[in-house]
PDB file of all heavy atoms in Angstrom:
ATOM      1  N   ARG A   1     -16.193  -8.668  23.610  1.00  0.00           N
ATOM      2  CA  ARG A   1     -17.355  -9.554  23.641  1.00  0.00           C
ATOM      3  C   ARG A   1     -17.341 -10.411  22.379  1.00  0.00           C
ATOM      4  O   ARG A   1     -17.263  -9.893  21.268  1.00  0.00           O
ATOM      5  CB  ARG A   1     -18.649  -8.772  23.711  1.00  0.00           C
ATOM      6  CG  ARG A   1     -19.873  -9.694  23.616  1.00  0.00           C
ATOM      7  CD  ARG A   1     -21.140  -8.963  23.817  1.00  0.00           C
ATOM      8  NE  ARG A   1     -21.211  -8.647  25.234  1.00  0.00           N
ATOM      9  CZ  ARG A   1     -21.976  -7.691  25.741  1.00  0.00           C
ATOM     10  NH1 ARG A   1     -22.715  -6.947  24.956  1.00  0.00           N
ATOM     11  NH2 ARG A   1     -21.997  -7.478  27.036  1.00  0.00           N
ATOM     12  N   ILE A   2     -17.407 -11.720  22.577  1.00  0.00           N
ATOM     13  CA  ILE A   2     -17.421 -12.670  21.469  1.00  0.00           C
ATOM     14  C   ILE A   2     -18.860 -13.099  21.234  1.00  0.00           C
ATOM     15  O   ILE A   2     -19.538 -13.538  22.157  1.00  0.00           O
ATOM     16  CB  ILE A   2     -16.557 -13.906  21.794  1.00  0.00           C
ATOM     17  CG1 ILE A   2     -15.120 -13.489  22.119  1.00  0.00           C
ATOM     18  CG2 ILE A   2     -16.597 -14.904  20.646  1.00  0.00           C
ATOM     19  CD1 ILE A   2     -14.283 -14.607  22.711  1.00  0.00           C
ATOM     20  N   ASP A   3     -19.314 -12.986  20.003  1.00  0.00           N
ATOM     21  CA  ASP A   3     -20.682 -13.355  19.660  1.00  0.00           C
ATOM     22  C   ASP A   3     -20.637 -14.325  18.481  1.00  0.00           C
ATOM     23  O   ASP A   3     -20.177 -13.972  17.397  1.00  0.00           O
ATOM     24  CB  ASP A   3     -21.472 -12.102  19.284  1.00  0.00           C
ATOM     25  CG  ASP A   3     -22.968 -12.345  19.189  1.00  0.00           C
ATOM     26  OD1 ASP A   3     -23.397 -13.516  19.218  1.00  0.00           O
ATOM     27  OD2 ASP A   3     -23.702 -11.355  19.098  1.00  0.00           O
ATOM     28  N   GLY A   4     -21.048 -15.565  18.705  1.00  0.00           N
ATOM     29  CA  GLY A   4     -21.080 -16.553  17.631  1.00  0.00           C
ATOM     30  C   GLY A   4     -20.066 -17.653  17.838  1.00  0.00           C
ATOM     31  O   GLY A   4     -19.640 -17.938  18.953  1.00  0.00           O
ATOM     32  N   ASP A   5     -19.674 -18.280  16.739  1.00  0.00           N
ATOM     33  CA  ASP A   5     -18.754 -19.416  16.766  1.00  0.00           C
ATOM     34  C   ASP A   5     -17.304 -18.958  16.670  1.00  0.00           C
ATOM     35  O   ASP A   5     -16.948 -18.217  15.744  1.00  0.00           O
ATOM     36  CB  ASP A   5     -19.028 -20.358  15.592  1.00  0.00           C
ATOM     37  CG  ASP A   5     -20.396 -21.005  15.654  1.00  0.00           C
ATOM     38  OD1 ASP A   5     -21.020 -20.997  16.733  1.00  0.00           O
ATOM     39  OD2 ASP A   5     -20.849 -21.537  14.619  1.00  0.00           O
ATOM     40  N   LEU A   6     -16.487 -19.412  17.607  1.00  0.00           N
ATOM     41  CA  LEU A   6     -15.047 -19.159  17.548  1.00  0.00           C
ATOM     42  C   LEU A   6     -14.433 -20.410  16.943  1.00  0.00           C
ATOM     43  O   LEU A   6     -14.313 -21.440  17.594  1.00  0.00           O
ATOM     44  CB  LEU A   6     -14.489 -18.884  18.946  1.00  0.00           C
ATOM     45  CG  LEU A   6     -13.018 -18.518  19.035  1.00  0.00           C
ATOM     46  CD1 LEU A   6     -12.689 -17.313  18.163  1.00  0.00           C
ATOM     47  CD2 LEU A   6     -12.642 -18.241  20.484  1.00  0.00           C
ATOM     48  N   ASP A   7     -14.109 -20.310  15.651  1.00  0.00           N
ATOM     49  CA  ASP A   7     -13.675 -21.493  14.915  1.00  0.00           C
ATOM     50  C   ASP A   7     -12.627 -21.120  13.877  1.00  0.00           C
ATOM     51  O   ASP A   7     -12.064 -20.026  13.918  1.00  0.00           O
ATOM     52  CB  ASP A   7     -14.878 -22.185  14.266  1.00  0.00           C
ATOM     53  CG  ASP A   7     -15.679 -21.275  13.337  1.00  0.00           C
ATOM     54  OD1 ASP A   7     -15.156 -20.228  12.903  1.00  0.00           O
ATOM     55  OD2 ASP A   7     -16.839 -21.608  13.039  1.00  0.00           O
ATOM     56  N   VAL A   8     -12.380 -22.022  12.965  1.00  0.00           N
ATOM     57  CA  VAL A   8     -11.352 -21.831  11.942  1.00  0.00           C
ATOM     58  C   VAL A   8     -11.570 -20.539  11.149  1.00  0.00           C
ATOM     59  O   VAL A   8     -10.609 -19.903  10.726  1.00  0.00           O
ATOM     60  CB  VAL A   8     -11.251 -23.069  11.025  1.00  0.00           C
ATOM     61  CG1 VAL A   8     -12.510 -23.228  10.183  1.00  0.00           C
ATOM     62  CG2 VAL A   8     -10.013 -23.022  10.153  1.00  0.00           C
ATOM     63  N   ASP A   9     -12.821 -20.136  10.964  1.00  0.00           N
ATOM     64  CA  ASP A   9     -13.110 -18.928  10.189  1.00  0.00           C
ATOM     65  C   ASP A   9     -12.945 -17.632  10.976  1.00  0.00           C
ATOM     66  O   ASP A   9     -12.777 -16.572  10.383  1.00  0.00           O
ATOM     67  CB  ASP A   9     -14.543 -18.995   9.644  1.00  0.00           C
ATOM     68  CG  ASP A   9     -14.734 -20.120   8.649  1.00  0.00           C
ATOM     69  OD1 ASP A   9     -13.790 -20.385   7.875  1.00  0.00           O
ATOM     70  OD2 ASP A   9     -15.815 -20.744   8.643  1.00  0.00           O
ATOM     71  N   SER A  10     -12.993 -17.708  12.295  1.00  0.00           N
ATOM     72  CA  SER A  10     -12.988 -16.480  13.086  1.00  0.00           C
ATOM     73  C   SER A  10     -11.816 -16.359  14.066  1.00  0.00           C
ATOM     74  O   SER A  10     -11.619 -15.296  14.656  1.00  0.00           O
ATOM     75  CB  SER A  10     -14.302 -16.380  13.867  1.00  0.00           C
ATOM     76  OG  SER A  10     -14.478 -17.522  14.697  1.00  0.00           O
ATOM     77  N   ALA A  11     -11.052 -17.423  14.227  1.00  0.00           N
ATOM     78  CA  ALA A  11      -9.971 -17.430  15.223  1.00  0.00           C
ATOM     79  C   ALA A  11      -8.974 -16.289  15.008  1.00  0.00           C
ATOM     80  O   ALA A  11      -8.581 -15.610  15.974  1.00  0.00           O
ATOM     81  CB  ALA A  11      -9.257 -18.779  15.198  1.00  0.00           C
ATOM     82  N   ASP A  12      -8.564 -16.068  13.777  1.00  0.00           N
ATOM     83  CA  ASP A  12      -7.589 -14.999  13.501  1.00  0.00           C
ATOM     84  C   ASP A  12      -8.130 -13.624  13.864  1.00  0.00           C
ATOM     85  O   ASP A  12      -7.372 -12.746  14.283  1.00  0.00           O
ATOM     86  CB  ASP A  12      -7.171 -15.012  12.034  1.00  0.00           C
ATOM     87  CG  ASP A  12      -6.275 -16.182  11.695  1.00  0.00           C
ATOM     88  OD1 ASP A  12      -5.681 -16.775  12.617  1.00  0.00           O
ATOM     89  OD2 ASP A  12      -6.174 -16.514  10.492  1.00  0.00           O
ATOM     90  N   ASP A  13      -9.431 -13.432  13.717  1.00  0.00           N
ATOM     91  CA  ASP A  13     -10.026 -12.136  14.047  1.00  0.00           C
ATOM     92  C   ASP A  13      -9.930 -11.851  15.546  1.00  0.00           C
ATOM     93  O   ASP A  13      -9.674 -10.721  15.946  1.00  0.00           O
ATOM     94  CB  ASP A  13     -11.479 -12.079  13.585  1.00  0.00           C
ATOM     95  CG  ASP A  13     -11.571 -12.157  12.074  1.00  0.00           C
ATOM     96  OD1 ASP A  13     -10.988 -11.289  11.395  1.00  0.00           O
ATOM     97  OD2 ASP A  13     -12.222 -13.087  11.575  1.00  0.00           O
ATOM     98  N   LEU A  14     -10.133 -12.873  16.370  1.00  0.00           N
ATOM     99  CA  LEU A  14      -9.995 -12.692  17.813  1.00  0.00           C
ATOM    100  C   LEU A  14      -8.551 -12.351  18.171  1.00  0.00           C
ATOM    101  O   LEU A  14      -8.298 -11.428  18.945  1.00  0.00           O
ATOM    102  CB  LEU A  14     -10.446 -13.934  18.574  1.00  0.00           C
ATOM    103  CG  LEU A  14     -10.222 -13.854  20.088  1.00  0.00           C
ATOM    104  CD1 LEU A  14     -11.024 -12.721  20.706  1.00  0.00           C
ATOM    105  CD2 LEU A  14     -10.546 -15.180  20.739  1.00  0.00           C
ATOM    106  N   VAL A  15      -7.600 -13.078  17.612  1.00  0.00           N
ATOM    107  CA  VAL A  15      -6.192 -12.822  17.915  1.00  0.00           C
ATOM    108  C   VAL A  15      -5.809 -11.405  17.501  1.00  0.00           C
ATOM    109  O   VAL A  15      -5.128 -10.687  18.248  1.00  0.00           O
ATOM    110  CB  VAL A  15      -5.282 -13.872  17.240  1.00  0.00           C
ATOM    111  CG1 VAL A  15      -3.816 -13.508  17.397  1.00  0.00           C
ATOM    112  CG2 VAL A  15      -5.556 -15.260  17.808  1.00  0.00           C
ATOM    113  N   GLU A  16      -6.240 -10.976  16.337  1.00  0.00           N
ATOM    114  CA  GLU A  16      -5.908  -9.620  15.875  1.00  0.00           C
ATOM    115  C   GLU A  16      -6.561  -8.554  16.743  1.00  0.00           C
ATOM    116  O   GLU A  16      -5.949  -7.521  17.033  1.00  0.00           O
ATOM    117  CB  GLU A  16      -6.289  -9.442  14.400  1.00  0.00           C
ATOM    118  CG  GLU A  16      -5.355 -10.159  13.463  1.00  0.00           C
ATOM    119  CD  GLU A  16      -3.879  -9.831  13.722  1.00  0.00           C
ATOM    120  OE1 GLU A  16      -3.508  -8.639  13.816  1.00  0.00           O
ATOM    121  OE2 GLU A  16      -3.086 -10.782  13.855  1.00  0.00           O
ATOM    122  N   ALA A  17      -7.804  -8.790  17.181  1.00  0.00           N
ATOM    123  CA  ALA A  17      -8.473  -7.831  18.068  1.00  0.00           C
ATOM    124  C   ALA A  17      -7.726  -7.739  19.393  1.00  0.00           C
ATOM    125  O   ALA A  17      -7.505  -6.639  19.925  1.00  0.00           O
ATOM    126  CB  ALA A  17      -9.926  -8.238  18.292  1.00  0.00           C
ATOM    127  N   ALA A  18      -7.315  -8.881  19.919  1.00  0.00           N
ATOM    128  CA  ALA A  18      -6.562  -8.896  21.176  1.00  0.00           C
ATOM    129  C   ALA A  18      -5.227  -8.178  21.002  1.00  0.00           C
ATOM    130  O   ALA A  18      -4.824  -7.379  21.853  1.00  0.00           O
ATOM    131  CB  ALA A  18      -6.349 -10.328  21.644  1.00  0.00           C
ATOM    132  N   ARG A  19      -4.545  -8.451  19.895  1.00  0.00           N
ATOM    133  CA  ARG A  19      -3.249  -7.813  19.629  1.00  0.00           C
ATOM    134  C   ARG A  19      -3.417  -6.290  19.563  1.00  0.00           C
ATOM    135  O   ARG A  19      -2.622  -5.536  20.131  1.00  0.00           O
ATOM    136  CB  ARG A  19      -2.661  -8.348  18.326  1.00  0.00           C
ATOM    137  CG  ARG A  19      -1.244  -7.887  18.050  1.00  0.00           C
ATOM    138  CD  ARG A  19      -0.724  -8.402  16.709  1.00  0.00           C
ATOM    139  NE  ARG A  19      -1.086  -9.781  16.429  1.00  0.00           N
ATOM    140  CZ  ARG A  19      -0.304 -10.841  16.649  1.00  0.00           C
ATOM    141  NH1 ARG A  19       0.883 -10.673  17.157  1.00  0.00           N
ATOM    142  NH2 ARG A  19      -0.714 -12.048  16.333  1.00  0.00           N
ATOM    143  N   THR A  20      -4.449  -5.830  18.898  1.00  0.00           N
ATOM    144  CA  THR A  20      -4.713  -4.394  18.787  1.00  0.00           C
ATOM    145  C   THR A  20      -4.945  -3.778  20.162  1.00  0.00           C
ATOM    146  O   THR A  20      -4.388  -2.726  20.484  1.00  0.00           O
ATOM    147  CB  THR A  20      -5.934  -4.145  17.875  1.00  0.00           C
ATOM    148  OG1 THR A  20      -5.635  -4.651  16.571  1.00  0.00           O
ATOM    149  CG2 THR A  20      -6.279  -2.676  17.791  1.00  0.00           C
ATOM    150  N   CYS A  21      -5.747  -4.453  20.988  1.00  0.00           N
ATOM    151  CA  CYS A  21      -6.016  -3.949  22.340  1.00  0.00           C
ATOM    152  C   CYS A  21      -4.742  -3.899  23.170  1.00  0.00           C
ATOM    153  O   CYS A  21      -4.492  -2.923  23.882  1.00  0.00           O
ATOM    154  CB  CYS A  21      -7.034  -4.843  23.043  1.00  0.00           C
ATOM    155  SG  CYS A  21      -8.694  -4.773  22.353  1.00  0.00           S
ATOM    156  N   LEU A  22      -3.951  -4.950  23.087  1.00  0.00           N
ATOM    157  CA  LEU A  22      -2.753  -5.056  23.917  1.00  0.00           C
ATOM    158  C   LEU A  22      -1.619  -4.153  23.442  1.00  0.00           C
ATOM    159  O   LEU A  22      -0.730  -3.807  24.217  1.00  0.00           O
ATOM    160  CB  LEU A  22      -2.289  -6.506  23.989  1.00  0.00           C
ATOM    161  CG  LEU A  22      -3.253  -7.434  24.723  1.00  0.00           C
ATOM    162  CD1 LEU A  22      -2.928  -8.889  24.432  1.00  0.00           C
ATOM    163  CD2 LEU A  22      -3.245  -7.146  26.218  1.00  0.00           C
ATOM    164  N   ASP A  23      -1.651  -3.752  22.162  1.00  0.00           N
ATOM    165  CA  ASP A  23      -0.632  -2.851  21.630  1.00  0.00           C
ATOM    166  C   ASP A  23      -0.935  -1.386  21.915  1.00  0.00           C
ATOM    167  O   ASP A  23      -0.128  -0.510  21.606  1.00  0.00           O
ATOM    168  CB  ASP A  23      -0.488  -3.043  20.111  1.00  0.00           C
ATOM    169  CG  ASP A  23       0.268  -4.307  19.755  1.00  0.00           C
ATOM    170  OD1 ASP A  23       0.894  -4.909  20.657  1.00  0.00           O
ATOM    171  OD2 ASP A  23       0.220  -4.710  18.571  1.00  0.00           O
ATOM    172  N   ALA A  24      -2.092  -1.105  22.511  1.00  0.00           N
ATOM    173  CA  ALA A  24      -2.477   0.273  22.810  1.00  0.00           C
ATOM    174  C   ALA A  24      -1.505   0.867  23.822  1.00  0.00           C
ATOM    175  O   ALA A  24      -0.841   0.146  24.565  1.00  0.00           O
ATOM    176  CB  ALA A  24      -3.903   0.313  23.363  1.00  0.00           C
ATOM    177  N   ASP A  25      -1.421   2.185  23.833  1.00  0.00           N
ATOM    178  CA  ASP A  25      -0.565   2.868  24.787  1.00  0.00           C
ATOM    179  C   ASP A  25      -1.439   3.769  25.649  1.00  0.00           C
ATOM    180  O   ASP A  25      -2.034   4.709  25.118  1.00  0.00           O
ATOM    181  CB  ASP A  25       0.494   3.681  24.050  1.00  0.00           C
ATOM    182  CG  ASP A  25       1.529   4.265  24.991  1.00  0.00           C
ATOM    183  OD1 ASP A  25       1.700   3.705  26.092  1.00  0.00           O
ATOM    184  OD2 ASP A  25       2.153   5.271  24.620  1.00  0.00           O
ATOM    185  N   PRO A  26      -1.603   3.507  26.902  1.00  0.00           N
ATOM    186  CA  PRO A  26      -0.971   2.435  27.657  1.00  0.00           C
ATOM    187  C   PRO A  26      -1.685   1.106  27.417  1.00  0.00           C
ATOM    188  O   PRO A  26      -2.871   1.060  27.112  1.00  0.00           O
ATOM    189  CB  PRO A  26      -1.125   2.877  29.113  1.00  0.00           C
ATOM    190  CG  PRO A  26      -2.389   3.673  29.117  1.00  0.00           C
ATOM    191  CD  PRO A  26      -2.436   4.364  27.771  1.00  0.00           C
ATOM    192  N   SER A  27      -0.944   0.043  27.591  1.00  0.00           N
ATOM    193  CA  SER A  27      -1.475  -1.302  27.444  1.00  0.00           C
ATOM    194  C   SER A  27      -2.414  -1.606  28.616  1.00  0.00           C
ATOM    195  O   SER A  27      -2.128  -1.195  29.739  1.00  0.00           O
ATOM    196  CB  SER A  27      -0.320  -2.300  27.417  1.00  0.00           C
ATOM    197  OG  SER A  27      -0.789  -3.606  27.291  1.00  0.00           O
ATOM    198  N   PRO A  28      -3.512  -2.309  28.364  1.00  0.00           N
ATOM    199  CA  PRO A  28      -4.411  -2.633  29.485  1.00  0.00           C
ATOM    200  C   PRO A  28      -3.748  -3.602  30.463  1.00  0.00           C
ATOM    201  O   PRO A  28      -2.898  -4.398  30.087  1.00  0.00           O
ATOM    202  CB  PRO A  28      -5.611  -3.285  28.789  1.00  0.00           C
ATOM    203  CG  PRO A  28      -5.077  -3.805  27.502  1.00  0.00           C
ATOM    204  CD  PRO A  28      -3.973  -2.869  27.100  1.00  0.00           C
ATOM    205  N   ARG A  29      -4.157  -3.517  31.712  1.00  0.00           N
ATOM    206  CA  ARG A  29      -3.663  -4.456  32.721  1.00  0.00           C
ATOM    207  C   ARG A  29      -4.479  -5.741  32.715  1.00  0.00           C
ATOM    208  O   ARG A  29      -4.011  -6.781  33.133  1.00  0.00           O
ATOM    209  CB  ARG A  29      -3.728  -3.825  34.109  1.00  0.00           C
ATOM    210  CG  ARG A  29      -2.751  -2.676  34.267  1.00  0.00           C
ATOM    211  CD  ARG A  29      -2.825  -2.061  35.652  1.00  0.00           C
ATOM    212  NE  ARG A  29      -4.164  -1.497  35.856  1.00  0.00           N
ATOM    213  CZ  ARG A  29      -4.859  -1.613  36.970  1.00  0.00           C
ATOM    214  NH1 ARG A  29      -4.375  -2.249  37.999  1.00  0.00           N
ATOM    215  NH2 ARG A  29      -6.050  -1.068  37.079  1.00  0.00           N
ATOM    216  N   LEU A  30      -5.721  -5.635  32.220  1.00  0.00           N
ATOM    217  CA  LEU A  30      -6.624  -6.776  32.202  1.00  0.00           C
ATOM    218  C   LEU A  30      -7.359  -6.805  30.869  1.00  0.00           C
ATOM    219  O   LEU A  30      -7.932  -5.802  30.449  1.00  0.00           O
ATOM    220  CB  LEU A  30      -7.641  -6.677  33.346  1.00  0.00           C
ATOM    221  CG  LEU A  30      -8.748  -7.718  33.392  1.00  0.00           C
ATOM    222  CD1 LEU A  30      -8.175  -9.120  33.615  1.00  0.00           C
ATOM    223  CD2 LEU A  30      -9.756  -7.381  34.484  1.00  0.00           C
ATOM    224  N   LEU A  31      -7.294  -7.939  30.199  1.00  0.00           N
ATOM    225  CA  LEU A  31      -8.049  -8.158  28.968  1.00  0.00           C
ATOM    226  C   LEU A  31      -9.114  -9.190  29.295  1.00  0.00           C
ATOM    227  O   LEU A  31      -8.803 -10.323  29.648  1.00  0.00           O
ATOM    228  CB  LEU A  31      -7.138  -8.666  27.842  1.00  0.00           C
ATOM    229  CG  LEU A  31      -7.833  -9.029  26.530  1.00  0.00           C
ATOM    230  CD1 LEU A  31      -8.562  -7.828  25.927  1.00  0.00           C
ATOM    231  CD2 LEU A  31      -6.827  -9.598  25.542  1.00  0.00           C
ATOM    232  N   ARG A  32     -10.366  -8.768  29.217  1.00  0.00           N
ATOM    233  CA  ARG A  32     -11.486  -9.659  29.500  1.00  0.00           C
ATOM    234  C   ARG A  32     -12.133 -10.089  28.194  1.00  0.00           C
ATOM    235  O   ARG A  32     -12.455  -9.252  27.366  1.00  0.00           O
ATOM    236  CB  ARG A  32     -12.519  -8.942  30.365  1.00  0.00           C
ATOM    237  CG  ARG A  32     -12.001  -8.580  31.724  1.00  0.00           C
ATOM    238  CD  ARG A  32     -12.979  -7.776  32.539  1.00  0.00           C
ATOM    239  NE  ARG A  32     -14.310  -8.320  32.445  1.00  0.00           N
ATOM    240  CZ  ARG A  32     -15.410  -7.588  32.566  1.00  0.00           C
ATOM    241  NH1 ARG A  32     -15.339  -6.295  32.779  1.00  0.00           N
ATOM    242  NH2 ARG A  32     -16.595  -8.161  32.482  1.00  0.00           N
ATOM    243  N   LEU A  33     -12.315 -11.387  28.039  1.00  0.00           N
ATOM    244  CA  LEU A  33     -13.071 -11.908  26.906  1.00  0.00           C
ATOM    245  C   LEU A  33     -14.424 -12.337  27.444  1.00  0.00           C
ATOM    246  O   LEU A  33     -14.510 -13.259  28.261  1.00  0.00           O
ATOM    247  CB  LEU A  33     -12.356 -13.097  26.252  1.00  0.00           C
ATOM    248  CG  LEU A  33     -10.960 -12.831  25.698  1.00  0.00           C
ATOM    249  CD1 LEU A  33     -10.417 -14.088  25.027  1.00  0.00           C
ATOM    250  CD2 LEU A  33     -10.964 -11.666  24.722  1.00  0.00           C
ATOM    251  N   ASP A  34     -15.472 -11.656  27.020  1.00  0.00           N
ATOM    252  CA  ASP A  34     -16.823 -11.978  27.465  1.00  0.00           C
ATOM    253  C   ASP A  34     -17.361 -13.074  26.546  1.00  0.00           C
ATOM    254  O   ASP A  34     -17.614 -12.850  25.369  1.00  0.00           O
ATOM    255  CB  ASP A  34     -17.705 -10.739  27.401  1.00  0.00           C
ATOM    256  CG  ASP A  34     -19.093 -10.977  27.962  1.00  0.00           C
ATOM    257  OD1 ASP A  34     -19.512 -12.154  28.078  1.00  0.00           O
ATOM    258  OD2 ASP A  34     -19.778  -9.988  28.272  1.00  0.00           O
ATOM    259  N   CYS A  35     -17.517 -14.265  27.094  1.00  0.00           N
ATOM    260  CA  CYS A  35     -17.912 -15.442  26.310  1.00  0.00           C
ATOM    261  C   CYS A  35     -19.388 -15.769  26.451  1.00  0.00           C
ATOM    262  O   CYS A  35     -19.826 -16.850  26.041  1.00  0.00           O
ATOM    263  CB  CYS A  35     -17.081 -16.646  26.747  1.00  0.00           C
ATOM    264  SG  CYS A  35     -15.313 -16.400  26.558  1.00  0.00           S
ATOM    265  N   GLU A  36     -20.166 -14.849  27.001  1.00  0.00           N
ATOM    266  CA  GLU A  36     -21.585 -15.120  27.240  1.00  0.00           C
ATOM    267  C   GLU A  36     -22.326 -15.496  25.959  1.00  0.00           C
ATOM    268  O   GLU A  36     -23.198 -16.353  25.965  1.00  0.00           O
ATOM    269  CB  GLU A  36     -22.241 -13.901  27.888  1.00  0.00           C
ATOM    270  CG  GLU A  36     -23.682 -14.137  28.276  1.00  0.00           C
ATOM    271  CD  GLU A  36     -24.258 -12.989  29.077  1.00  0.00           C
ATOM    272  OE1 GLU A  36     -23.771 -11.841  28.943  1.00  0.00           O
ATOM    273  OE2 GLU A  36     -25.176 -13.240  29.853  1.00  0.00           O
ATOM    274  N   ARG A  37     -21.969 -14.874  24.852  1.00  0.00           N
ATOM    275  CA  ARG A  37     -22.649 -15.143  23.580  1.00  0.00           C
ATOM    276  C   ARG A  37     -21.854 -16.078  22.666  1.00  0.00           C
ATOM    277  O   ARG A  37     -22.181 -16.226  21.495  1.00  0.00           O
ATOM    278  CB  ARG A  37     -22.918 -13.839  22.855  1.00  0.00           C
ATOM    279  CG  ARG A  37     -23.869 -12.939  23.607  1.00  0.00           C
ATOM    280  CD  ARG A  37     -24.132 -11.700  22.810  1.00  0.00           C
ATOM    281  NE  ARG A  37     -24.926 -10.758  23.581  1.00  0.00           N
ATOM    282  CZ  ARG A  37     -25.108  -9.511  23.239  1.00  0.00           C
ATOM    283  NH1 ARG A  37     -24.547  -9.031  22.136  1.00  0.00           N
ATOM    284  NH2 ARG A  37     -25.835  -8.712  23.982  1.00  0.00           N
TER     285      ARG A  37
END
């Protein structure tokens, strides 16, 4: 879930969070980004 502005200050944090999720064992089949907020 993303809350706030996705910009120059926060972009790397999203990528790192996604990388952490995708590197899990087992890797998820679906990565959902909830953009409601």
